[in-house]
PDB file of all heavy atoms in Angstrom:
ATOM      1  N   GLN A   1      59.864 148.851  86.506  1.00  0.00           N
ATOM      2  CA  GLN A   1      58.810 149.560  85.790  1.00  0.00           C
ATOM      3  C   GLN A   1      59.237 150.978  85.479  1.00  0.00           C
ATOM      4  O   GLN A   1      60.050 151.596  86.195  1.00  0.00           O
ATOM      5  CB  GLN A   1      57.511 149.583  86.578  1.00  0.00           C
ATOM      6  CG  GLN A   1      56.935 148.174  86.780  1.00  0.00           C
ATOM      7  CD  GLN A   1      55.623 148.233  87.540  1.00  0.00           C
ATOM      8  OE1 GLN A   1      55.231 149.267  88.084  1.00  0.00           O
ATOM      9  NE2 GLN A   1      54.973 147.081  87.580  1.00  0.00           N
ATOM     10  N   ALA A   2      58.732 151.534  84.357  1.00  0.00           N
ATOM     11  CA  ALA A   2      58.999 152.905  84.041  1.00  0.00           C
ATOM     12  C   ALA A   2      58.594 153.880  85.111  1.00  0.00           C
ATOM     13  O   ALA A   2      57.559 153.709  85.762  1.00  0.00           O
ATOM     14  CB  ALA A   2      58.283 153.286  82.712  1.00  0.00           C
ATOM     15  N   MET A   3      59.490 154.856  85.350  1.00  0.00           N
ATOM     16  CA  MET A   3      59.239 155.898  86.317  1.00  0.00           C
ATOM     17  C   MET A   3      59.314 155.432  87.776  1.00  0.00           C
ATOM     18  O   MET A   3      59.043 156.156  88.706  1.00  0.00           O
ATOM     19  CB  MET A   3      57.880 156.610  86.112  1.00  0.00           C
ATOM     20  CG  MET A   3      57.674 157.112  84.706  1.00  0.00           C
ATOM     21  SD  MET A   3      58.957 158.344  84.262  1.00  0.00           S
ATOM     22  CE  MET A   3      58.459 159.658  85.381  1.00  0.00           C
ATOM     23  N   SER A   4      59.657 154.119  88.013  1.00  0.00           N
ATOM     24  CA  SER A   4      59.706 153.620  89.362  1.00  0.00           C
ATOM     25  C   SER A   4      61.132 153.739  89.882  1.00  0.00           C
ATOM     26  O   SER A   4      62.112 153.761  89.126  1.00  0.00           O
ATOM     27  CB  SER A   4      59.259 152.133  89.452  1.00  0.00           C
ATOM     28  OG  SER A   4      60.164 151.338  88.720  1.00  0.00           O
ATOM     29  N   ALA A   5      61.276 153.794  91.197  1.00  0.00           N
ATOM     30  CA  ALA A   5      62.590 153.901  91.787  1.00  0.00           C
ATOM     31  C   ALA A   5      63.300 152.595  91.660  1.00  0.00           C
ATOM     32  O   ALA A   5      62.733 151.518  91.815  1.00  0.00           O
ATOM     33  CB  ALA A   5      62.453 154.288  93.271  1.00  0.00           C
ATOM     34  N   GLY A   6      64.578 152.626  91.320  1.00  0.00           N
ATOM     35  CA  GLY A   6      65.422 151.405  91.164  1.00  0.00           C
ATOM     36  C   GLY A   6      65.587 150.762  92.559  1.00  0.00           C
ATOM     37  O   GLY A   6      65.575 151.375  93.579  1.00  0.00           O
ATOM     38  N   ARG A   7      65.826 149.490  92.500  1.00  0.00           N
ATOM     39  CA  ARG A   7      66.049 148.685  93.712  1.00  0.00           C
ATOM     40  C   ARG A   7      67.449 148.942  94.229  1.00  0.00           C
ATOM     41  O   ARG A   7      68.463 148.845  93.457  1.00  0.00           O
ATOM     42  CB  ARG A   7      65.856 147.175  93.406  1.00  0.00           C
ATOM     43  CG  ARG A   7      65.921 146.296  94.640  1.00  0.00           C
ATOM     44  CD  ARG A   7      65.641 144.885  94.251  1.00  0.00           C
ATOM     45  NE  ARG A   7      65.517 144.028  95.409  1.00  0.00           N
ATOM     46  CZ  ARG A   7      65.268 142.709  95.366  1.00  0.00           C
ATOM     47  NH1 ARG A   7      65.085 142.140  94.162  1.00  0.00           N
ATOM     48  NH2 ARG A   7      65.173 141.987  96.453  1.00  0.00           N
ATOM     49  N   ALA A   8      67.554 149.249  95.446  1.00  0.00           N
ATOM     50  CA  ALA A   8      68.864 149.606  96.075  1.00  0.00           C
ATOM     51  C   ALA A   8      69.760 148.339  96.094  1.00  0.00           C
ATOM     52  O   ALA A   8      69.286 147.231  96.359  1.00  0.00           O
ATOM     53  CB  ALA A   8      68.730 150.133  97.447  1.00  0.00           C
ATOM     54  N   TRP A   9      71.047 148.543  95.779  1.00  0.00           N
ATOM     55  CA  TRP A   9      71.993 147.405  95.777  1.00  0.00           C
ATOM     56  C   TRP A   9      72.190 146.913  97.209  1.00  0.00           C
ATOM     57  O   TRP A   9      72.240 147.706  98.163  1.00  0.00           O
ATOM     58  CB  TRP A   9      73.322 147.880  95.231  1.00  0.00           C
ATOM     59  CG  TRP A   9      74.359 146.775  95.280  1.00  0.00           C
ATOM     60  CD1 TRP A   9      74.564 145.762  94.371  1.00  0.00           C
ATOM     61  CD2 TRP A   9      75.414 146.640  96.250  1.00  0.00           C
ATOM     62  NE1 TRP A   9      75.612 144.928  94.756  1.00  0.00           N
ATOM     63  CE2 TRP A   9      76.146 145.463  95.892  1.00  0.00           C
ATOM     64  CE3 TRP A   9      75.772 147.331  97.421  1.00  0.00           C
ATOM     65  CZ2 TRP A   9      77.250 145.034  96.654  1.00  0.00           C
ATOM     66  CZ3 TRP A   9      76.845 146.908  98.155  1.00  0.00           C
ATOM     67  CH2 TRP A   9      77.580 145.780  97.787  1.00  0.00           C
ATOM     68  N   GLN A  10      72.256 145.576  97.358  1.00  0.00           N
ATOM     69  CA  GLN A  10      72.504 145.001  98.641  1.00  0.00           C
ATOM     70  C   GLN A  10      73.778 144.095  98.502  1.00  0.00           C
ATOM     71  O   GLN A  10      73.901 143.352  97.521  1.00  0.00           O
ATOM     72  CB  GLN A  10      71.340 144.174  99.147  1.00  0.00           C
ATOM     73  CG  GLN A  10      70.111 145.002  99.408  1.00  0.00           C
ATOM     74  CD  GLN A  10      68.929 144.182  99.897  1.00  0.00           C
ATOM     75  OE1 GLN A  10      69.089 142.946 100.128  1.00  0.00           O
ATOM     76  NE2 GLN A  10      67.779 144.775 100.067  1.00  0.00           N
ATOM     77  N   PRO A  11      74.634 144.124  99.507  1.00  0.00           N
ATOM     78  CA  PRO A  11      75.851 143.249  99.429  1.00  0.00           C
ATOM     79  C   PRO A  11      75.576 141.789  99.697  1.00  0.00           C
ATOM     80  O   PRO A  11      74.574 141.522 100.382  1.00  0.00           O
ATOM     81  CB  PRO A  11      76.749 143.879 100.474  1.00  0.00           C
ATOM     82  CG  PRO A  11      75.813 144.381 101.519  1.00  0.00           C
ATOM     83  CD  PRO A  11      74.608 144.898 100.721  1.00  0.00           C
ATOM     84  N   PRO A  12      76.404 140.873  99.249  1.00  0.00           N
ATOM     85  CA  PRO A  12      76.325 139.509  99.686  1.00  0.00           C
ATOM     86  C   PRO A  12      76.695 139.412 101.171  1.00  0.00           C
ATOM     87  O   PRO A  12      77.416 140.229 101.677  1.00  0.00           O
ATOM     88  CB  PRO A  12      77.255 138.755  98.827  1.00  0.00           C
ATOM     89  CG  PRO A  12      78.296 139.818  98.421  1.00  0.00           C
ATOM     90  CD  PRO A  12      77.562 141.114  98.346  1.00  0.00           C
ATOM     91  N   VAL A  13      76.178 138.387 101.842  1.00  0.00           N
ATOM     92  CA  VAL A  13      76.440 138.215 103.265  1.00  0.00           C
ATOM     93  C   VAL A  13      76.857 136.786 103.526  1.00  0.00           C
ATOM     94  O   VAL A  13      76.101 135.882 103.140  1.00  0.00           O
ATOM     95  CB  VAL A  13      75.207 138.619 104.133  1.00  0.00           C
ATOM     96  CG1 VAL A  13      75.523 138.427 105.613  1.00  0.00           C
ATOM     97  CG2 VAL A  13      74.809 140.040 103.842  1.00  0.00           C
ATOM     98  N   GLN A  14      77.933 136.569 104.218  1.00  0.00           N
ATOM     99  CA  GLN A  14      78.366 135.245 104.581  1.00  0.00           C
ATOM    100  C   GLN A  14      77.554 134.752 105.808  1.00  0.00           C
ATOM    101  O   GLN A  14      77.287 135.520 106.727  1.00  0.00           O
ATOM    102  CB  GLN A  14      79.847 135.295 104.999  1.00  0.00           C
ATOM    103  CG  GLN A  14      80.385 133.904 105.485  1.00  0.00           C
ATOM    104  CD  GLN A  14      81.755 134.040 106.120  1.00  0.00           C
ATOM    105  OE1 GLN A  14      82.298 135.105 106.152  1.00  0.00           O
ATOM    106  NE2 GLN A  14      82.306 132.941 106.567  1.00  0.00           N
ATOM    107  N   ASN A  15      77.124 133.498 105.725  1.00  0.00           N
ATOM    108  CA  ASN A  15      76.498 132.908 106.905  1.00  0.00           C
ATOM    109  C   ASN A  15      77.550 132.734 108.026  1.00  0.00           C
ATOM    110  O   ASN A  15      78.654 132.397 107.789  1.00  0.00           O
ATOM    111  CB  ASN A  15      75.910 131.512 106.580  1.00  0.00           C
ATOM    112  CG  ASN A  15      74.725 131.593 105.664  1.00  0.00           C
ATOM    113  OD1 ASN A  15      74.155 132.677 105.462  1.00  0.00           O
ATOM    114  ND2 ASN A  15      74.320 130.478 105.096  1.00  0.00           N
ATOM    115  N   ALA A  16      77.155 133.021 109.245  1.00  0.00           N
ATOM    116  CA  ALA A  16      78.022 132.854 110.410  1.00  0.00           C
ATOM    117  C   ALA A  16      79.311 133.644 110.220  1.00  0.00           C
ATOM    118  O   ALA A  16      80.425 133.141 110.568  1.00  0.00           O
ATOM    119  CB  ALA A  16      78.313 131.373 110.669  1.00  0.00           C
ATOM    120  N   ALA A  17      79.177 134.855 109.709  1.00  0.00           N
ATOM    121  CA  ALA A  17      80.363 135.685 109.503  1.00  0.00           C
ATOM    122  C   ALA A  17      80.973 136.104 110.865  1.00  0.00           C
ATOM    123  O   ALA A  17      80.222 136.316 111.844  1.00  0.00           O
ATOM    124  CB  ALA A  17      79.961 136.933 108.721  1.00  0.00           C
ATOM    125  N   ASN A  18      82.288 136.237 110.914  1.00  0.00           N
ATOM    126  CA  ASN A  18      82.975 136.709 112.051  1.00  0.00           C
ATOM    127  C   ASN A  18      83.253 138.190 111.854  1.00  0.00           C
ATOM    128  O   ASN A  18      84.242 138.595 111.297  1.00  0.00           O
ATOM    129  CB  ASN A  18      84.252 135.948 112.270  1.00  0.00           C
ATOM    130  CG  ASN A  18      85.022 136.368 113.509  1.00  0.00           C
ATOM    131  OD1 ASN A  18      84.467 137.078 114.354  1.00  0.00           O
ATOM    132  ND2 ASN A  18      86.223 135.876 113.724  1.00  0.00           N
ATOM    133  N   ARG A  19      82.309 139.056 112.322  1.00  0.00           N
ATOM    134  CA  ARG A  19      82.358 140.496 112.188  1.00  0.00           C
ATOM    135  C   ARG A  19      82.129 140.937 110.783  1.00  0.00           C
ATOM    136  O   ARG A  19      81.269 141.723 110.475  1.00  0.00           O
ATOM    137  CB  ARG A  19      83.644 141.084 112.766  1.00  0.00           C
ATOM    138  CG  ARG A  19      83.838 140.815 114.250  1.00  0.00           C
ATOM    139  CD  ARG A  19      85.067 141.574 114.773  1.00  0.00           C
ATOM    140  NE  ARG A  19      85.217 141.324 116.231  1.00  0.00           N
ATOM    141  CZ  ARG A  19      86.251 141.786 116.936  1.00  0.00           C
ATOM    142  NH1 ARG A  19      87.192 142.520 116.352  1.00  0.00           N
ATOM    143  NH2 ARG A  19      86.332 141.526 118.252  1.00  0.00           N
ATOM    144  N   HIS A  20      82.981 140.491 109.888  1.00  0.00           N
ATOM    145  CA  HIS A  20      82.868 140.945 108.465  1.00  0.00           C
ATOM    146  C   HIS A  20      82.740 139.682 107.576  1.00  0.00           C
ATOM    147  O   HIS A  20      83.301 138.631 107.869  1.00  0.00           O
ATOM    148  CB  HIS A  20      84.097 141.732 108.004  1.00  0.00           C
ATOM    149  CG  HIS A  20      84.226 143.031 108.737  1.00  0.00           C
ATOM    150  ND1 HIS A  20      84.898 143.114 109.934  1.00  0.00           N
ATOM    151  CD2 HIS A  20      83.850 144.239 108.409  1.00  0.00           C
ATOM    152  CE1 HIS A  20      84.887 144.376 110.346  1.00  0.00           C
ATOM    153  NE2 HIS A  20      84.226 145.104 109.430  1.00  0.00           N
ATOM    154  N   SER A  21      81.960 139.834 106.519  1.00  0.00           N
ATOM    155  CA  SER A  21      81.703 138.720 105.655  1.00  0.00           C
ATOM    156  C   SER A  21      82.869 138.433 104.678  1.00  0.00           C
ATOM    157  O   SER A  21      83.540 139.342 104.227  1.00  0.00           O
ATOM    158  CB  SER A  21      80.429 138.985 104.757  1.00  0.00           C
ATOM    159  OG  SER A  21      79.294 138.877 105.554  1.00  0.00           O
ATOM    160  N   ILE A  22      83.095 137.179 104.482  1.00  0.00           N
ATOM    161  CA  ILE A  22      83.984 136.713 103.405  1.00  0.00           C
ATOM    162  C   ILE A  22      83.163 135.775 102.566  1.00  0.00           C
ATOM    163  O   ILE A  22      82.997 134.559 102.853  1.00  0.00           O
ATOM    164  CB  ILE A  22      85.233 136.002 103.964  1.00  0.00           C
ATOM    165  CG1 ILE A  22      85.994 136.868 104.921  1.00  0.00           C
ATOM    166  CG2 ILE A  22      86.115 135.517 102.788  1.00  0.00           C
ATOM    167  CD1 ILE A  22      87.210 136.212 105.593  1.00  0.00           C
ATOM    168  N   PHE A  23      82.518 136.360 101.563  1.00  0.00           N
ATOM    169  CA  PHE A  23      81.568 135.612 100.786  1.00  0.00           C
ATOM    170  C   PHE A  23      82.261 134.781  99.687  1.00  0.00           C
ATOM    171  O   PHE A  23      83.129 135.297  99.008  1.00  0.00           O
ATOM    172  CB  PHE A  23      80.564 136.584 100.104  1.00  0.00           C
ATOM    173  CG  PHE A  23      79.489 135.936  99.339  1.00  0.00           C
ATOM    174  CD1 PHE A  23      78.360 135.329  99.953  1.00  0.00           C
ATOM    175  CD2 PHE A  23      79.581 135.888  97.929  1.00  0.00           C
ATOM    176  CE1 PHE A  23      77.411 134.678  99.217  1.00  0.00           C
ATOM    177  CE2 PHE A  23      78.599 135.240  97.172  1.00  0.00           C
ATOM    178  CZ  PHE A  23      77.507 134.639  97.817  1.00  0.00           C
ATOM    179  N   MET A  24      81.812 133.576  99.509  1.00  0.00           N
ATOM    180  CA  MET A  24      82.408 132.647  98.529  1.00  0.00           C
ATOM    181  C   MET A  24      81.313 132.027  97.708  1.00  0.00           C
ATOM    182  O   MET A  24      80.339 131.484  98.234  1.00  0.00           O
ATOM    183  CB  MET A  24      83.232 131.617  99.260  1.00  0.00           C
ATOM    184  CG  MET A  24      83.683 130.445  98.353  1.00  0.00           C
ATOM    185  SD  MET A  24      85.017 130.927  97.199  1.00  0.00           S
ATOM    186  CE  MET A  24      86.373 131.168  98.316  1.00  0.00           C
ATOM    187  N   ASP A  25      81.418 132.180  96.364  1.00  0.00           N
ATOM    188  CA  ASP A  25      80.474 131.512  95.451  1.00  0.00           C
ATOM    189  C   ASP A  25      81.289 130.622  94.533  1.00  0.00           C
ATOM    190  O   ASP A  25      82.161 131.097  93.783  1.00  0.00           O
ATOM    191  CB  ASP A  25      79.727 132.612  94.644  1.00  0.00           C
ATOM    192  CG  ASP A  25      78.317 132.180  94.297  1.00  0.00           C
ATOM    193  OD1 ASP A  25      77.989 130.978  94.504  1.00  0.00           O
ATOM    194  OD2 ASP A  25      77.558 133.008  93.824  1.00  0.00           O
ATOM    195  N   VAL A  26      81.027 129.323  94.569  1.00  0.00           N
ATOM    196  CA  VAL A  26      81.923 128.354  93.927  1.00  0.00           C
ATOM    197  C   VAL A  26      81.199 127.701  92.743  1.00  0.00           C
ATOM    198  O   VAL A  26      80.081 127.190  92.859  1.00  0.00           O
ATOM    199  CB  VAL A  26      82.329 127.256  94.934  1.00  0.00           C
ATOM    200  CG1 VAL A  26      83.326 126.291  94.297  1.00  0.00           C
ATOM    201  CG2 VAL A  26      82.899 127.862  96.180  1.00  0.00           C
ATOM    202  N   GLU A  27      81.860 127.679  91.632  1.00  0.00           N
ATOM    203  CA  GLU A  27      81.360 127.001  90.441  1.00  0.00           C
ATOM    204  C   GLU A  27      81.741 125.490  90.504  1.00  0.00           C
ATOM    205  O   GLU A  27      82.907 125.159  90.628  1.00  0.00           O
ATOM    206  CB  GLU A  27      81.926 127.621  89.169  1.00  0.00           C
ATOM    207  CG  GLU A  27      81.326 127.023  87.848  1.00  0.00           C
ATOM    208  CD  GLU A  27      81.832 127.747  86.650  1.00  0.00           C
ATOM    209  OE1 GLU A  27      83.057 128.051  86.607  1.00  0.00           O
ATOM    210  OE2 GLU A  27      81.062 127.972  85.711  1.00  0.00           O
ATOM    211  N   LEU A  28      80.739 124.615  90.415  1.00  0.00           N
ATOM    212  CA  LEU A  28      80.987 123.179  90.508  1.00  0.00           C
ATOM    213  C   LEU A  28      81.223 122.529  89.174  1.00  0.00           C
ATOM    214  O   LEU A  28      81.950 121.579  89.047  1.00  0.00           O
ATOM    215  CB  LEU A  28      79.864 122.507  91.212  1.00  0.00           C
ATOM    216  CG  LEU A  28      79.451 123.057  92.610  1.00  0.00           C
ATOM    217  CD1 LEU A  28      78.393 122.182  93.227  1.00  0.00           C
ATOM    218  CD2 LEU A  28      80.651 123.110  93.494  1.00  0.00           C
ATOM    219  N   TRP A  29      80.617 123.080  88.128  1.00  0.00           N
ATOM    220  CA  TRP A  29      80.886 122.619  86.725  1.00  0.00           C
ATOM    221  C   TRP A  29      80.554 123.789  85.837  1.00  0.00           C
ATOM    222  O   TRP A  29      79.855 124.678  86.174  1.00  0.00           O
ATOM    223  CB  TRP A  29      80.063 121.381  86.372  1.00  0.00           C
ATOM    224  CG  TRP A  29      78.558 121.594  86.225  1.00  0.00           C
ATOM    225  CD1 TRP A  29      77.890 122.072  85.121  1.00  0.00           C
ATOM    226  CD2 TRP A  29      77.561 121.376  87.253  1.00  0.00           C
ATOM    227  NE1 TRP A  29      76.525 122.111  85.373  1.00  0.00           N
ATOM    228  CE2 TRP A  29      76.329 121.667  86.652  1.00  0.00           C
ATOM    229  CE3 TRP A  29      77.633 120.850  88.514  1.00  0.00           C
ATOM    230  CZ2 TRP A  29      75.123 121.526  87.345  1.00  0.00           C
ATOM    231  CZ3 TRP A  29      76.412 120.766  89.225  1.00  0.00           C
ATOM    232  CH2 TRP A  29      75.172 121.123  88.643  1.00  0.00           C
ATOM    233  N   ASP A  30      81.161 123.745  84.623  1.00  0.00           N
ATOM    234  CA  ASP A  30      80.971 124.897  83.764  1.00  0.00           C
ATOM    235  C   ASP A  30      80.147 124.626  82.524  1.00  0.00           C
ATOM    236  O   ASP A  30      79.694 125.542  81.816  1.00  0.00           O
ATOM    237  CB  ASP A  30      82.328 125.551  83.384  1.00  0.00           C
ATOM    238  CG  ASP A  30      83.282 124.621  82.648  1.00  0.00           C
ATOM    239  OD1 ASP A  30      82.901 123.452  82.467  1.00  0.00           O
ATOM    240  OD2 ASP A  30      84.395 125.036  82.313  1.00  0.00           O
ATOM    241  N   TYR A  31      80.068 123.355  82.107  1.00  0.00           N
ATOM    242  CA  TYR A  31      79.135 123.039  81.013  1.00  0.00           C
ATOM    243  C   TYR A  31      78.673 121.553  81.097  1.00  0.00           C
ATOM    244  O   TYR A  31      79.369 120.754  81.788  1.00  0.00           O
ATOM    245  CB  TYR A  31      79.725 123.357  79.639  1.00  0.00           C
ATOM    246  CG  TYR A  31      80.712 122.338  79.097  1.00  0.00           C
ATOM    247  CD1 TYR A  31      80.284 121.233  78.385  1.00  0.00           C
ATOM    248  CD2 TYR A  31      82.097 122.540  79.295  1.00  0.00           C
ATOM    249  CE1 TYR A  31      81.204 120.342  77.906  1.00  0.00           C
ATOM    250  CE2 TYR A  31      82.986 121.662  78.800  1.00  0.00           C
ATOM    251  CZ  TYR A  31      82.525 120.521  78.140  1.00  0.00           C
ATOM    252  OH  TYR A  31      83.440 119.615  77.592  1.00  0.00           O
ATOM    253  N   GLU A  32      77.643 121.284  80.425  1.00  0.00           N
ATOM    254  CA  GLU A  32      77.099 119.895  80.404  1.00  0.00           C
ATOM    255  C   GLU A  32      76.747 119.541  78.955  1.00  0.00           C
ATOM    256  O   GLU A  32      76.018 120.310  78.279  1.00  0.00           O
ATOM    257  CB  GLU A  32      75.883 119.798  81.333  1.00  0.00           C
ATOM    258  CG  GLU A  32      75.350 118.385  81.432  1.00  0.00           C
ATOM    259  CD  GLU A  32      74.244 118.235  82.494  1.00  0.00           C
ATOM    260  OE1 GLU A  32      74.004 119.235  83.202  1.00  0.00           O
ATOM    261  OE2 GLU A  32      73.699 117.177  82.645  1.00  0.00           O
ATOM    262  N   GLU A  33      77.213 118.402  78.492  1.00  0.00           N
ATOM    263  CA  GLU A  33      76.920 118.003  77.109  1.00  0.00           C
ATOM    264  C   GLU A  33      76.656 116.466  77.159  1.00  0.00           C
ATOM    265  O   GLU A  33      77.441 115.696  77.659  1.00  0.00           O
ATOM    266  CB  GLU A  33      78.096 118.280  76.182  1.00  0.00           C
ATOM    267  CG  GLU A  33      77.824 117.990  74.762  1.00  0.00           C
ATOM    268  CD  GLU A  33      78.986 118.418  73.839  1.00  0.00           C
ATOM    269  OE1 GLU A  33      79.862 119.161  74.376  1.00  0.00           O
ATOM    270  OE2 GLU A  33      79.028 118.005  72.675  1.00  0.00           O
ATOM    271  N   ASP A  34      75.485 116.102  76.557  1.00  0.00           N
ATOM    272  CA  ASP A  34      75.083 114.711  76.519  1.00  0.00           C
ATOM    273  C   ASP A  34      75.054 114.080  77.896  1.00  0.00           C
ATOM    274  O   ASP A  34      75.455 112.943  78.104  1.00  0.00           O
ATOM    275  CB  ASP A  34      75.968 113.893  75.585  1.00  0.00           C
ATOM    276  CG  ASP A  34      75.921 114.387  74.142  1.00  0.00           C
ATOM    277  OD1 ASP A  34      74.833 114.867  73.722  1.00  0.00           O
ATOM    278  OD2 ASP A  34      76.949 114.285  73.447  1.00  0.00           O
ATOM    279  N   GLY A  35      74.632 114.891  78.880  1.00  0.00           N
ATOM    280  CA  GLY A  35      74.533 114.395  80.244  1.00  0.00           C
ATOM    281  C   GLY A  35      75.814 114.315  81.004  1.00  0.00           C
ATOM    282  O   GLY A  35      75.874 113.833  82.132  1.00  0.00           O
ATOM    283  N   LYS A  36      76.929 114.765  80.383  1.00  0.00           N
ATOM    284  CA  LYS A  36      78.252 114.659  81.038  1.00  0.00           C
ATOM    285  C   LYS A  36      78.715 116.102  81.330  1.00  0.00           C
ATOM    286  O   LYS A  36      78.779 116.973  80.470  1.00  0.00           O
ATOM    287  CB  LYS A  36      79.251 114.024  80.058  1.00  0.00           C
ATOM    288  CG  LYS A  36      80.607 113.736  80.722  1.00  0.00           C
ATOM    289  CD  LYS A  36      81.531 112.979  79.770  1.00  0.00           C
ATOM    290  CE  LYS A  36      82.846 112.671  80.407  1.00  0.00           C
ATOM    291  NZ  LYS A  36      83.775 111.894  79.562  1.00  0.00           N
ATOM    292  N   ARG A  37      79.053 116.324  82.573  1.00  0.00           N
ATOM    293  CA  ARG A  37      79.527 117.656  83.039  1.00  0.00           C
ATOM    294  C   ARG A  37      81.046 117.718  83.079  1.00  0.00           C
ATOM    295  O   ARG A  37      81.713 116.754  83.297  1.00  0.00           O
ATOM    296  CB  ARG A  37      78.979 117.933  84.430  1.00  0.00           C
ATOM    297  CG  ARG A  37      77.480 118.033  84.470  1.00  0.00           C
ATOM    298  CD  ARG A  37      76.974 118.112  85.894  1.00  0.00           C
ATOM    299  NE  ARG A  37      75.571 118.428  85.962  1.00  0.00           N
ATOM    300  CZ  ARG A  37      74.698 117.892  86.839  1.00  0.00           C
ATOM    301  NH1 ARG A  37      75.137 117.011  87.663  1.00  0.00           N
ATOM    302  NH2 ARG A  37      73.448 118.237  86.827  1.00  0.00           N
ATOM    303  N   ARG A  38      81.527 118.950  82.870  1.00  0.00           N
ATOM    304  CA  ARG A  38      82.956 119.169  83.083  1.00  0.00           C
ATOM    305  C   ARG A  38      83.128 119.821  84.475  1.00  0.00           C
ATOM    306  O   ARG A  38      82.734 121.005  84.663  1.00  0.00           O
ATOM    307  CB  ARG A  38      83.606 120.099  82.032  1.00  0.00           C
ATOM    308  CG  ARG A  38      85.108 120.241  82.241  1.00  0.00           C
ATOM    309  CD  ARG A  38      85.778 121.000  81.097  1.00  0.00           C
ATOM    310  NE  ARG A  38      85.430 122.400  81.098  1.00  0.00           N
ATOM    311  CZ  ARG A  38      85.935 123.246  80.231  1.00  0.00           C
ATOM    312  NH1 ARG A  38      86.802 122.836  79.301  1.00  0.00           N
ATOM    313  NH2 ARG A  38      85.571 124.527  80.242  1.00  0.00           N
ATOM    314  N   TRP A  39      83.606 119.063  85.411  1.00  0.00           N
ATOM    315  CA  TRP A  39      83.660 119.488  86.798  1.00  0.00           C
ATOM    316  C   TRP A  39      84.771 120.516  86.993  1.00  0.00           C
ATOM    317  O   TRP A  39      85.727 120.452  86.273  1.00  0.00           O
ATOM    318  CB  TRP A  39      83.869 118.277  87.673  1.00  0.00           C
ATOM    319  CG  TRP A  39      82.813 117.223  87.571  1.00  0.00           C
ATOM    320  CD1 TRP A  39      82.937 116.046  86.861  1.00  0.00           C
ATOM    321  CD2 TRP A  39      81.529 117.248  88.094  1.00  0.00           C
ATOM    322  NE1 TRP A  39      81.782 115.367  86.935  1.00  0.00           N
ATOM    323  CE2 TRP A  39      80.904 116.045  87.679  1.00  0.00           C
ATOM    324  CE3 TRP A  39      80.820 118.173  88.894  1.00  0.00           C
ATOM    325  CZ2 TRP A  39      79.585 115.742  87.984  1.00  0.00           C
ATOM    326  CZ3 TRP A  39      79.482 117.842  89.213  1.00  0.00           C
ATOM    327  CH2 TRP A  39      78.868 116.639  88.800  1.00  0.00           C
ATOM    328  N   SER A  40      84.582 121.379  87.956  1.00  0.00           N
ATOM    329  CA  SER A  40      85.591 122.377  88.252  1.00  0.00           C
ATOM    330  C   SER A  40      86.692 121.844  89.100  1.00  0.00           C
ATOM    331  O   SER A  40      86.569 120.789  89.797  1.00  0.00           O
ATOM    332  CB  SER A  40      84.943 123.585  88.974  1.00  0.00           C
ATOM    333  OG  SER A  40      84.553 123.183  90.303  1.00  0.00           O
ATOM    334  N   CYS A  41      87.868 122.540  89.083  1.00  0.00           N
ATOM    335  CA  CYS A  41      88.992 122.118  89.901  1.00  0.00           C
ATOM    336  C   CYS A  41      88.643 122.076  91.399  1.00  0.00           C
ATOM    337  O   CYS A  41      89.011 121.070  92.045  1.00  0.00           O
ATOM    338  CB  CYS A  41      90.171 123.040  89.628  1.00  0.00           C
ATOM    339  SG  CYS A  41      91.656 122.600  90.517  1.00  0.00           S
ATOM    340  N   PRO A  42      87.968 123.094  91.944  1.00  0.00           N
ATOM    341  CA  PRO A  42      87.639 123.017  93.380  1.00  0.00           C
ATOM    342  C   PRO A  42      86.736 121.849  93.714  1.00  0.00           C
ATOM    343  O   PRO A  42      86.916 121.223  94.802  1.00  0.00           O
ATOM    344  CB  PRO A  42      86.910 124.330  93.617  1.00  0.00           C
ATOM    345  CG  PRO A  42      87.452 125.282  92.616  1.00  0.00           C
ATOM    346  CD  PRO A  42      87.654 124.411  91.393  1.00  0.00           C
ATOM    347  N   PHE A  43      85.818 121.513  92.838  1.00  0.00           N
ATOM    348  CA  PHE A  43      84.928 120.412  93.153  1.00  0.00           C
ATOM    349  C   PHE A  43      85.669 119.073  93.142  1.00  0.00           C
ATOM    350  O   PHE A  43      85.493 118.228  94.008  1.00  0.00           O
ATOM    351  CB  PHE A  43      83.710 120.362  92.211  1.00  0.00           C
ATOM    352  CG  PHE A  43      82.651 119.448  92.665  1.00  0.00           C
ATOM    353  CD1 PHE A  43      82.029 119.608  93.899  1.00  0.00           C
ATOM    354  CD2 PHE A  43      82.226 118.330  91.875  1.00  0.00           C
ATOM    355  CE1 PHE A  43      81.024 118.734  94.315  1.00  0.00           C
ATOM    356  CE2 PHE A  43      81.249 117.474  92.329  1.00  0.00           C
ATOM    357  CZ  PHE A  43      80.639 117.643  93.547  1.00  0.00           C
ATOM    358  N   LEU A  44      86.493 118.857  92.125  1.00  0.00           N
ATOM    359  CA  LEU A  44      87.327 117.652  92.110  1.00  0.00           C
ATOM    360  C   LEU A  44      88.299 117.569  93.288  1.00  0.00           C
ATOM    361  O   LEU A  44      88.516 116.498  93.852  1.00  0.00           O
ATOM    362  CB  LEU A  44      88.080 117.554  90.784  1.00  0.00           C
ATOM    363  CG  LEU A  44      87.257 117.374  89.482  1.00  0.00           C
ATOM    364  CD1 LEU A  44      88.119 117.355  88.268  1.00  0.00           C
ATOM    365  CD2 LEU A  44      86.427 116.087  89.590  1.00  0.00           C
ATOM    366  N   ALA A  45      88.827 118.710  93.676  1.00  0.00           N
ATOM    367  CA  ALA A  45      89.690 118.755  94.815  1.00  0.00           C
ATOM    368  C   ALA A  45      88.933 118.419  96.138  1.00  0.00           C
ATOM    369  O   ALA A  45      89.478 117.837  97.053  1.00  0.00           O
ATOM    370  CB  ALA A  45      90.374 120.113  94.977  1.00  0.00           C
ATOM    371  N   ALA A  46      87.657 118.797  96.218  1.00  0.00           N
ATOM    372  CA  ALA A  46      86.862 118.393  97.332  1.00  0.00           C
ATOM    373  C   ALA A  46      86.643 116.917  97.396  1.00  0.00           C
ATOM    374  O   ALA A  46      86.714 116.283  98.464  1.00  0.00           O
ATOM    375  CB  ALA A  46      85.499 119.153  97.337  1.00  0.00           C
TER     376      ALA A  46
END
C-alpha cells in the first residue's frame, strides 16, 4: 500500500539444514500443451 513500509526480504531455508541451508528448487516440467508436458532433465533422471 502507498506510504506503507515494504516487507523485509527473507532468505529461503532448507528443511533439516546442517548448520547452513543449501536450498534447492527444482523445475519438473517447463510447458504443457494439449495435456502433454515437456519434462525436465532432473525429473526424467529421477
